[in-house]
Amino acid sequence: MTWFLDILPTGEVVCLYTDLIPLHALGPLQVTRASTVEFDEAAQGWRVTLYDGTVLPDTFRARSEALAAEVTHLQAHWDDVTRIPKEVPDGHHAQSL
């Protein structure tokens, strides 16, 4: 899987969080949740829910498959991801992207 960073004219770096890149080396982090992966008991599978409440249509048997689909979707919709507000809709600061 390819990971990429956008470096804005302000010097701010925008990317999907990954442990594969030592992001702390770039300076203090501000991390905003873009989506969640949770088990849906009724569907008996894992679902991806985006920050705006949109649920991806697929249900996944394995959590790892849901996580991969989450990253694929976010990368495919990168322009939308970079416009995610710094605070999630419920008013709480998110802890991971």
PDB file of N, CA and C in Angstrom:
ATOM      1  N   MET A   1       0.843  -1.172   0.000  1.00  0.00           N
ATOM      2  CA  MET A   1       0.000   0.000   0.000  1.00  0.00           C
ATOM      3  C   MET A   1       0.893   1.242   0.000  1.00  0.00           C
ATOM      4  N   THR A   2       0.540   2.224  -0.785  1.00  0.00           N
ATOM      5  CA  THR A   2       1.298   3.463  -0.883  1.00  0.00           C
ATOM      6  C   THR A   2       0.775   4.483   0.115  1.00  0.00           C
ATOM      7  N   TRP A   3       1.686   5.122   0.825  1.00  0.00           N
ATOM      8  CA  TRP A   3       1.341   6.196   1.758  1.00  0.00           C
ATOM      9  C   TRP A   3       1.922   7.478   1.213  1.00  0.00           C
ATOM     10  N   PHE A   4       1.229   8.566   1.392  1.00  0.00           N
ATOM     11  CA  PHE A   4       1.741   9.833   0.902  1.00  0.00           C
ATOM     12  C   PHE A   4       1.449  10.945   1.890  1.00  0.00           C
ATOM     13  N   LEU A   5       2.247  11.991   1.786  1.00  0.00           N
ATOM     14  CA  LEU A   5       2.123  13.163   2.641  1.00  0.00           C
ATOM     15  C   LEU A   5       1.892  14.377   1.756  1.00  0.00           C
ATOM     16  N   ASP A   6       0.997  15.252   2.147  1.00  0.00           N
ATOM     17  CA  ASP A   6       0.832  16.547   1.498  1.00  0.00           C
ATOM     18  C   ASP A   6       1.508  17.580   2.390  1.00  0.00           C
ATOM     19  N   ILE A   7       2.423  18.339   1.814  1.00  0.00           N
ATOM     20  CA  ILE A   7       3.074  19.414   2.553  1.00  0.00           C
ATOM     21  C   ILE A   7       2.494  20.720   2.027  1.00  0.00           C
ATOM     22  N   LEU A   8       1.766  21.417   2.892  1.00  0.00           N
ATOM     23  CA  LEU A   8       1.088  22.646   2.515  1.00  0.00           C
ATOM     24  C   LEU A   8       2.071  23.815   2.498  1.00  0.00           C
ATOM     25  N   PRO A   9       1.722  24.904   1.809  1.00  0.00           N
ATOM     26  CA  PRO A   9       2.603  26.084   1.788  1.00  0.00           C
ATOM     27  C   PRO A   9       2.924  26.624   3.190  1.00  0.00           C
ATOM     28  N   THR A  10       2.053  26.351   4.153  1.00  0.00           N
ATOM     29  CA  THR A  10       2.274  26.790   5.539  1.00  0.00           C
ATOM     30  C   THR A  10       3.311  25.932   6.260  1.00  0.00           C
ATOM     31  N   GLY A  11       3.698  24.812   5.634  1.00  0.00           N
ATOM     32  CA  GLY A  11       4.617  23.874   6.261  1.00  0.00           C
ATOM     33  C   GLY A  11       3.897  22.742   6.965  1.00  0.00           C
ATOM     34  N   GLU A  12       2.566  22.844   7.072  1.00  0.00           N
ATOM     35  CA  GLU A  12       1.768  21.791   7.703  1.00  0.00           C
ATOM     36  C   GLU A  12       1.803  20.542   6.817  1.00  0.00           C
ATOM     37  N   VAL A  13       1.927  19.384   7.443  1.00  0.00           N
ATOM     38  CA  VAL A  13       1.929  18.111   6.734  1.00  0.00           C
ATOM     39  C   VAL A  13       0.598  17.430   6.990  1.00  0.00           C
ATOM     40  N   VAL A  14      -0.080  16.990   5.925  1.00  0.00           N
ATOM     41  CA  VAL A  14      -1.367  16.316   6.041  1.00  0.00           C
ATOM     42  C   VAL A  14      -1.205  14.912   5.459  1.00  0.00           C
ATOM     43  N   CYS A  15      -1.630  13.909   6.228  1.00  0.00           N
ATOM     44  CA  CYS A  15      -1.522  12.527   5.757  1.00  0.00           C
ATOM     45  C   CYS A  15      -2.450  11.643   6.582  1.00  0.00           C
ATOM     46  N   LEU A  16      -2.639  10.416   6.121  1.00  0.00           N
ATOM     47  CA  LEU A  16      -3.303   9.417   6.945  1.00  0.00           C
ATOM     48  C   LEU A  16      -2.264   8.905   7.929  1.00  0.00           C
ATOM     49  N   TYR A  17      -2.659   8.771   9.178  1.00  0.00           N
ATOM     50  CA  TYR A  17      -1.714   8.310  10.188  1.00  0.00           C
ATOM     51  C   TYR A  17      -1.317   6.868   9.914  1.00  0.00           C
ATOM     52  N   THR A  18      -0.037   6.598  10.073  1.00  0.00           N
ATOM     53  CA  THR A  18       0.483   5.249   9.988  1.00  0.00           C
ATOM     54  C   THR A  18       1.677   5.118  10.914  1.00  0.00           C
ATOM     55  N   ASP A  19       1.847   3.953  11.486  1.00  0.00           N
ATOM     56  CA  ASP A  19       3.031   3.694  12.301  1.00  0.00           C
ATOM     57  C   ASP A  19       4.242   3.407  11.419  1.00  0.00           C
ATOM     58  N   LEU A  20       4.028   3.254  10.106  1.00  0.00           N
ATOM     59  CA  LEU A  20       5.117   2.938   9.178  1.00  0.00           C
ATOM     60  C   LEU A  20       6.033   4.128   8.927  1.00  0.00           C
ATOM     61  N   ILE A  21       5.550   5.343   9.194  1.00  0.00           N
ATOM     62  CA  ILE A  21       6.325   6.560   8.991  1.00  0.00           C
ATOM     63  C   ILE A  21       6.503   7.219  10.363  1.00  0.00           C
ATOM     64  N   PRO A  22       7.738   7.573  10.748  1.00  0.00           N
ATOM     65  CA  PRO A  22       7.951   8.201  12.063  1.00  0.00           C
ATOM     66  C   PRO A  22       7.481   9.663  12.058  1.00  0.00           C
ATOM     67  N   LEU A  23       6.173   9.858  12.101  1.00  0.00           N
ATOM     68  CA  LEU A  23       5.597  11.193  11.975  1.00  0.00           C
ATOM     69  C   LEU A  23       6.012  12.130  13.107  1.00  0.00           C
ATOM     70  N   HIS A  24       6.305  11.587  14.281  1.00  0.00           N
ATOM     71  CA  HIS A  24       6.739  12.443  15.403  1.00  0.00           C
ATOM     72  C   HIS A  24       8.029  13.184  15.068  1.00  0.00           C
ATOM     73  N   ALA A  25       8.813  12.656  14.134  1.00  0.00           N
ATOM     74  CA  ALA A  25      10.064  13.310  13.744  1.00  0.00           C
ATOM     75  C   ALA A  25       9.798  14.648  13.041  1.00  0.00           C
ATOM     76  N   LEU A  26       8.565  14.843  12.543  1.00  0.00           N
ATOM     77  CA  LEU A  26       8.218  16.083  11.854  1.00  0.00           C
ATOM     78  C   LEU A  26       7.821  17.190  12.821  1.00  0.00           C
ATOM     79  N   GLY A  27       7.586  16.842  14.074  1.00  0.00           N
ATOM     80  CA  GLY A  27       7.167  17.830  15.068  1.00  0.00           C
ATOM     81  C   GLY A  27       5.903  17.373  15.766  1.00  0.00           C
ATOM     82  N   PRO A  28       5.284  18.272  16.561  1.00  0.00           N
ATOM     83  CA  PRO A  28       4.060  17.910  17.283  1.00  0.00           C
ATOM     84  C   PRO A  28       2.947  17.483  16.320  1.00  0.00           C
ATOM     85  N   LEU A  29       2.199  16.485  16.711  1.00  0.00           N
ATOM     86  CA  LEU A  29       1.118  15.967  15.872  1.00  0.00           C
ATOM     87  C   LEU A  29      -0.227  16.529  16.311  1.00  0.00           C
ATOM     88  N   GLN A  30      -1.094  16.763  15.351  1.00  0.00           N
ATOM     89  CA  GLN A  30      -2.505  17.029  15.616  1.00  0.00           C
ATOM     90  C   GLN A  30      -3.248  15.998  14.780  1.00  0.00           C
ATOM     91  N   VAL A  31      -3.899  15.070  15.446  1.00  0.00           N
ATOM     92  CA  VAL A  31      -4.514  13.935  14.764  1.00  0.00           C
ATOM     93  C   VAL A  31      -6.024  14.048  14.877  1.00  0.00           C
ATOM     94  N   THR A  32      -6.718  13.907  13.746  1.00  0.00           N
ATOM     95  CA  THR A  32      -8.171  14.004  13.681  1.00  0.00           C
ATOM     96  C   THR A  32      -8.736  12.710  13.113  1.00  0.00           C
ATOM     97  N   ARG A  33      -9.753  12.181  13.763  1.00  0.00           N
ATOM     98  CA  ARG A  33     -10.350  10.926  13.303  1.00  0.00           C
ATOM     99  C   ARG A  33     -11.105  11.159  11.996  1.00  0.00           C
ATOM    100  N   ALA A  34     -10.819  10.313  11.001  1.00  0.00           N
ATOM    101  CA  ALA A  34     -11.494  10.392   9.705  1.00  0.00           C
ATOM    102  C   ALA A  34     -12.583   9.333   9.581  1.00  0.00           C
ATOM    103  N   SER A  35     -12.467   8.255  10.366  1.00  0.00           N
ATOM    104  CA  SER A  35     -13.439   7.162  10.274  1.00  0.00           C
ATOM    105  C   SER A  35     -13.253   6.220  11.454  1.00  0.00           C
ATOM    106  N   THR A  36     -14.184   5.295  11.581  1.00  0.00           N
ATOM    107  CA  THR A  36     -14.075   4.254  12.602  1.00  0.00           C
ATOM    108  C   THR A  36     -14.367   2.907  11.956  1.00  0.00           C
ATOM    109  N   VAL A  37     -13.828   1.871  12.555  1.00  0.00           N
ATOM    110  CA  VAL A  37     -14.115   0.497  12.138  1.00  0.00           C
ATOM    111  C   VAL A  37     -14.664  -0.203  13.372  1.00  0.00           C
ATOM    112  N   GLU A  38     -15.922  -0.633  13.282  1.00  0.00           N
ATOM    113  CA  GLU A  38     -16.573  -1.267  14.425  1.00  0.00           C
ATOM    114  C   GLU A  38     -17.338  -2.501  13.978  1.00  0.00           C
ATOM    115  N   PHE A  39     -17.527  -3.437  14.910  1.00  0.00           N
ATOM    116  CA  PHE A  39     -18.265  -4.658  14.608  1.00  0.00           C
ATOM    117  C   PHE A  39     -19.763  -4.386  14.643  1.00  0.00           C
ATOM    118  N   ASP A  40     -20.461  -4.840  13.610  1.00  0.00           N
ATOM    119  CA  ASP A  40     -21.919  -4.706  13.507  1.00  0.00           C
ATOM    120  C   ASP A  40     -22.517  -6.071  13.837  1.00  0.00           C
ATOM    121  N   GLU A  41     -23.090  -6.193  15.028  1.00  0.00           N
ATOM    122  CA  GLU A  41     -23.637  -7.489  15.458  1.00  0.00           C
ATOM    123  C   GLU A  41     -24.736  -7.992  14.547  1.00  0.00           C
ATOM    124  N   ALA A  42     -25.626  -7.104  14.102  1.00  0.00           N
ATOM    125  CA  ALA A  42     -26.742  -7.517  13.243  1.00  0.00           C
ATOM    126  C   ALA A  42     -26.236  -8.091  11.920  1.00  0.00           C
ATOM    127  N   ALA A  43     -25.208  -7.466  11.353  1.00  0.00           N
ATOM    128  CA  ALA A  43     -24.666  -7.918  10.063  1.00  0.00           C
ATOM    129  C   ALA A  43     -23.598  -8.985  10.247  1.00  0.00           C
ATOM    130  N   GLN A  44     -23.136  -9.172  11.496  1.00  0.00           N
ATOM    131  CA  GLN A  44     -22.068 -10.104  11.824  1.00  0.00           C
ATOM    132  C   GLN A  44     -20.814  -9.848  10.982  1.00  0.00           C
ATOM    133  N   GLY A  45     -20.433  -8.561  10.939  1.00  0.00           N
ATOM    134  CA  GLY A  45     -19.227  -8.185  10.218  1.00  0.00           C
ATOM    135  C   GLY A  45     -18.761  -6.808  10.642  1.00  0.00           C
ATOM    136  N   TRP A  46     -17.615  -6.418  10.139  1.00  0.00           N
ATOM    137  CA  TRP A  46     -17.004  -5.130  10.449  1.00  0.00           C
ATOM    138  C   TRP A  46     -17.452  -4.083   9.454  1.00  0.00           C
ATOM    139  N   ARG A  47     -17.779  -2.894   9.947  1.00  0.00           N
ATOM    140  CA  ARG A  47     -18.228  -1.781   9.101  1.00  0.00           C
ATOM    141  C   ARG A  47     -17.323  -0.575   9.302  1.00  0.00           C
ATOM    142  N   VAL A  48     -17.170   0.184   8.201  1.00  0.00           N
ATOM    143  CA  VAL A  48     -16.404   1.426   8.225  1.00  0.00           C
ATOM    144  C   VAL A  48     -17.392   2.584   8.195  1.00  0.00           C
ATOM    145  N   THR A  49     -17.275   3.489   9.173  1.00  0.00           N
ATOM    146  CA  THR A  49     -18.123   4.680   9.229  1.00  0.00           C
ATOM    147  C   THR A  49     -17.222   5.902   9.111  1.00  0.00           C
ATOM    148  N   LEU A  50     -17.528   6.771   8.147  1.00  0.00           N
ATOM    149  CA  LEU A  50     -16.744   7.980   7.937  1.00  0.00           C
ATOM    150  C   LEU A  50     -17.120   9.047   8.956  1.00  0.00           C
ATOM    151  N   TYR A  51     -16.284  10.065   9.104  1.00  0.00           N
ATOM    152  CA  TYR A  51     -16.478  11.107  10.117  1.00  0.00           C
ATOM    153  C   TYR A  51     -17.827  11.802   9.996  1.00  0.00           C
ATOM    154  N   ASP A  52     -18.400  11.831   8.774  1.00  0.00           N
ATOM    155  CA  ASP A  52     -19.688  12.520   8.582  1.00  0.00           C
ATOM    156  C   ASP A  52     -20.881  11.596   8.803  1.00  0.00           C
ATOM    157  N   GLY A  53     -20.630  10.358   9.253  1.00  0.00           N
ATOM    158  CA  GLY A  53     -21.697   9.407   9.530  1.00  0.00           C
ATOM    159  C   GLY A  53     -22.014   8.465   8.381  1.00  0.00           C
ATOM    160  N   THR A  54     -21.415   8.683   7.211  1.00  0.00           N
ATOM    161  CA  THR A  54     -21.624   7.789   6.071  1.00  0.00           C
ATOM    162  C   THR A  54     -21.001   6.436   6.367  1.00  0.00           C
ATOM    163  N   VAL A  55     -21.753   5.371   6.122  1.00  0.00           N
ATOM    164  CA  VAL A  55     -21.257   4.009   6.330  1.00  0.00           C
ATOM    165  C   VAL A  55     -20.927   3.412   4.971  1.00  0.00           C
ATOM    166  N   LEU A  56     -19.715   2.883   4.820  1.00  0.00           N
ATOM    167  CA  LEU A  56     -19.374   2.218   3.566  1.00  0.00           C
ATOM    168  C   LEU A  56     -20.276   1.005   3.396  1.00  0.00           C
ATOM    169  N   PRO A  57     -20.674   0.699   2.165  1.00  0.00           N
ATOM    170  CA  PRO A  57     -21.687  -0.331   1.949  1.00  0.00           C
ATOM    171  C   PRO A  57     -21.258  -1.757   2.283  1.00  0.00           C
ATOM    172  N   ASP A  58     -19.978  -2.047   2.249  1.00  0.00           N
ATOM    173  CA  ASP A  58     -19.525  -3.415   2.477  1.00  0.00           C
ATOM    174  C   ASP A  58     -19.427  -3.740   3.963  1.00  0.00           C
ATOM    175  N   THR A  59     -19.656  -5.002   4.286  1.00  0.00           N
ATOM    176  CA  THR A  59     -19.423  -5.548   5.612  1.00  0.00           C
ATOM    177  C   THR A  59     -18.304  -6.564   5.454  1.00  0.00           C
ATOM    178  N   PHE A  60     -17.360  -6.572   6.375  1.00  0.00           N
ATOM    179  CA  PHE A  60     -16.177  -7.418   6.244  1.00  0.00           C
ATOM    180  C   PHE A  60     -16.126  -8.446   7.365  1.00  0.00           C
ATOM    181  N   ARG A  61     -15.800  -9.681   7.028  1.00  0.00           N
ATOM    182  CA  ARG A  61     -15.681 -10.754   8.027  1.00  0.00           C
ATOM    183  C   ARG A  61     -14.471 -10.532   8.921  1.00  0.00           C
ATOM    184  N   ALA A  62     -13.375 -10.050   8.321  1.00  0.00           N
ATOM    185  CA  ALA A  62     -12.146  -9.823   9.077  1.00  0.00           C
ATOM    186  C   ALA A  62     -11.949  -8.322   9.304  1.00  0.00           C
ATOM    187  N   ARG A  63     -11.554  -7.964  10.511  1.00  0.00           N
ATOM    188  CA  ARG A  63     -11.301  -6.554  10.820  1.00  0.00           C
ATOM    189  C   ARG A  63     -10.173  -6.005   9.944  1.00  0.00           C
ATOM    190  N   SER A  64      -9.167  -6.825   9.686  1.00  0.00           N
ATOM    191  CA  SER A  64      -8.047  -6.386   8.842  1.00  0.00           C
ATOM    192  C   SER A  64      -8.526  -5.999   7.444  1.00  0.00           C
ATOM    193  N   GLU A  65      -9.535  -6.700   6.925  1.00  0.00           N
ATOM    194  CA  GLU A  65     -10.096  -6.347   5.613  1.00  0.00           C
ATOM    195  C   GLU A  65     -10.805  -4.995   5.683  1.00  0.00           C
ATOM    196  N   ALA A  66     -11.514  -4.754   6.770  1.00  0.00           N
ATOM    197  CA  ALA A  66     -12.211  -3.472   6.951  1.00  0.00           C
ATOM    198  C   ALA A  66     -11.207  -2.331   7.068  1.00  0.00           C
ATOM    199  N   LEU A  67     -10.111  -2.563   7.804  1.00  0.00           N
ATOM    200  CA  LEU A  67      -9.084  -1.533   7.946  1.00  0.00           C
ATOM    201  C   LEU A  67      -8.445  -1.208   6.597  1.00  0.00           C
ATOM    202  N   ALA A  68      -8.180  -2.233   5.793  1.00  0.00           N
ATOM    203  CA  ALA A  68      -7.601  -2.007   4.464  1.00  0.00           C
ATOM    204  C   ALA A  68      -8.573  -1.244   3.575  1.00  0.00           C
ATOM    205  N   ALA A  69      -9.859  -1.591   3.641  1.00  0.00           N
ATOM    206  CA  ALA A  69     -10.877  -0.884   2.848  1.00  0.00           C
ATOM    207  C   ALA A  69     -11.007   0.564   3.307  1.00  0.00           C
ATOM    208  N   GLU A  70     -10.884   0.792   4.612  1.00  0.00           N
ATOM    209  CA  GLU A  70     -10.942   2.131   5.170  1.00  0.00           C
ATOM    210  C   GLU A  70      -9.834   2.999   4.562  1.00  0.00           C
ATOM    211  N   VAL A  71      -8.605   2.507   4.580  1.00  0.00           N
ATOM    212  CA  VAL A  71      -7.470   3.256   4.044  1.00  0.00           C
ATOM    213  C   VAL A  71      -7.638   3.474   2.546  1.00  0.00           C
ATOM    214  N   THR A  72      -8.047   2.441   1.816  1.00  0.00           N
ATOM    215  CA  THR A  72      -8.250   2.563   0.374  1.00  0.00           C
ATOM    216  C   THR A  72      -9.277   3.643   0.068  1.00  0.00           C
ATOM    217  N   HIS A  73     -10.386   3.639   0.806  1.00  0.00           N
ATOM    218  CA  HIS A  73     -11.431   4.651   0.590  1.00  0.00           C
ATOM    219  C   HIS A  73     -10.913   6.051   0.900  1.00  0.00           C
ATOM    220  N   LEU A  74     -10.241   6.214   2.022  1.00  0.00           N
ATOM    221  CA  LEU A  74      -9.750   7.531   2.406  1.00  0.00           C
ATOM    222  C   LEU A  74      -8.719   8.053   1.410  1.00  0.00           C
ATOM    223  N   GLN A  75      -7.853   7.178   0.919  1.00  0.00           N
ATOM    224  CA  GLN A  75      -6.879   7.617  -0.069  1.00  0.00           C
ATOM    225  C   GLN A  75      -7.554   7.979  -1.394  1.00  0.00           C
ATOM    226  N   ALA A  76      -8.582   7.236  -1.775  1.00  0.00           N
ATOM    227  CA  ALA A  76      -9.294   7.516  -3.027  1.00  0.00           C
ATOM    228  C   ALA A  76     -10.081   8.820  -2.943  1.00  0.00           C
ATOM    229  N   HIS A  77     -10.437   9.230  -1.737  1.00  0.00           N
ATOM    230  CA  HIS A  77     -11.210  10.456  -1.524  1.00  0.00           C
ATOM    231  C   HIS A  77     -10.376  11.471  -0.741  1.00  0.00           C
ATOM    232  N   TRP A  78      -9.092  11.553  -1.075  1.00  0.00           N
ATOM    233  CA  TRP A  78      -8.148  12.368  -0.324  1.00  0.00           C
ATOM    234  C   TRP A  78      -8.579  13.828  -0.214  1.00  0.00           C
ATOM    235  N   ASP A  79      -9.132  14.406  -1.288  1.00  0.00           N
ATOM    236  CA  ASP A  79      -9.561  15.805  -1.227  1.00  0.00           C
ATOM    237  C   ASP A  79     -10.608  16.012  -0.141  1.00  0.00           C
ATOM    238  N   ASP A  80     -11.504  15.041   0.040  1.00  0.00           N
ATOM    239  CA  ASP A  80     -12.509  15.133   1.104  1.00  0.00           C
ATOM    240  C   ASP A  80     -11.854  15.012   2.483  1.00  0.00           C
ATOM    241  N   VAL A  81     -10.881  14.114   2.587  1.00  0.00           N
ATOM    242  CA  VAL A  81     -10.214  13.872   3.868  1.00  0.00           C
ATOM    243  C   VAL A  81      -9.482  15.121   4.335  1.00  0.00           C
ATOM    244  N   THR A  82      -8.833  15.838   3.424  1.00  0.00           N
ATOM    245  CA  THR A  82      -8.054  17.009   3.826  1.00  0.00           C
ATOM    246  C   THR A  82      -8.944  18.161   4.281  1.00  0.00           C
ATOM    247  N   ARG A  83     -10.259  18.052   4.042  1.00  0.00           N
ATOM    248  CA  ARG A  83     -11.184  19.093   4.495  1.00  0.00           C
ATOM    249  C   ARG A  83     -11.916  18.707   5.774  1.00  0.00           C
ATOM    250  N   ILE A  84     -11.533  17.604   6.393  1.00  0.00           N
ATOM    251  CA  ILE A  84     -12.172  17.193   7.648  1.00  0.00           C
ATOM    252  C   ILE A  84     -11.891  18.261   8.697  1.00  0.00           C
ATOM    253  N   PRO A  85     -12.928  18.719   9.400  1.00  0.00           N
ATOM    254  CA  PRO A  85     -12.696  19.734  10.429  1.00  0.00           C
ATOM    255  C   PRO A  85     -11.776  19.210  11.519  1.00  0.00           C
ATOM    256  N   LYS A  86     -11.095  20.118  12.182  1.00  0.00           N
ATOM    257  CA  LYS A  86     -10.160  19.731  13.246  1.00  0.00           C
ATOM    258  C   LYS A  86     -10.892  19.140  14.439  1.00  0.00           C
ATOM    259  N   GLU A  87     -12.185  19.316  14.502  1.00  0.00           N
ATOM    260  CA  GLU A  87     -13.002  18.752  15.574  1.00  0.00           C
ATOM    261  C   GLU A  87     -14.105  17.939  14.911  1.00  0.00           C
ATOM    262  N   VAL A  88     -14.357  16.736  15.395  1.00  0.00           N
ATOM    263  CA  VAL A  88     -15.381  15.877  14.803  1.00  0.00           C
ATOM    264  C   VAL A  88     -16.767  16.401  15.167  1.00  0.00           C
ATOM    265  N   PRO A  89     -17.832  16.006  14.400  1.00  0.00           N
ATOM    266  CA  PRO A  89     -19.163  16.582  14.597  1.00  0.00           C
ATOM    267  C   PRO A  89     -19.734  16.512  16.006  1.00  0.00           C
ATOM    268  N   ASP A  90     -19.373  15.503  16.801  1.00  0.00           N
ATOM    269  CA  ASP A  90     -19.956  15.409  18.145  1.00  0.00           C
ATOM    270  C   ASP A  90     -19.287  16.368  19.133  1.00  0.00           C
ATOM    271  N   GLY A  91     -18.310  17.147  18.667  1.00  0.00           N
ATOM    272  CA  GLY A  91     -17.702  18.148  19.509  1.00  0.00           C
ATOM    273  C   GLY A  91     -16.472  17.674  20.270  1.00  0.00           C
ATOM    274  N   HIS A  92     -16.132  16.393  20.172  1.00  0.00           N
ATOM    275  CA  HIS A  92     -14.955  15.868  20.865  1.00  0.00           C
ATOM    276  C   HIS A  92     -13.762  15.883  19.920  1.00  0.00           C
ATOM    277  N   HIS A  93     -12.610  16.187  20.469  1.00  0.00           N
ATOM    278  CA  HIS A  93     -11.396  16.111  19.662  1.00  0.00           C
ATOM    279  C   HIS A  93     -11.065  14.645  19.443  1.00  0.00           C
ATOM    280  N   ALA A  94     -10.791  14.279  18.207  1.00  0.00           N
ATOM    281  CA  ALA A  94     -10.489  12.889  17.875  1.00  0.00           C
ATOM    282  C   ALA A  94      -9.044  12.578  18.198  1.00  0.00           C
ATOM    283  N   GLN A  95      -8.743  11.311  18.372  1.00  0.00           N
ATOM    284  CA  GLN A  95      -7.401  10.907  18.756  1.00  0.00           C
ATOM    285  C   GLN A  95      -6.623  10.203  17.650  1.00  0.00           C
ATOM    286  N   SER A  96      -7.267   9.712  16.601  1.00  0.00           N
ATOM    287  CA  SER A  96      -6.505   9.049  15.546  1.00  0.00           C
ATOM    288  C   SER A  96      -7.198   9.188  14.215  1.00  0.00           C
ATOM    289  N   LEU A  97      -6.401   9.096  13.183  1.00  0.00           N
ATOM    290  CA  LEU A  97      -6.920   9.210  11.814  1.00  0.00           C
ATOM    291  C   LEU A  97      -6.721   7.906  11.122  1.00  0.00           C
TER     292      LEU A  97
END
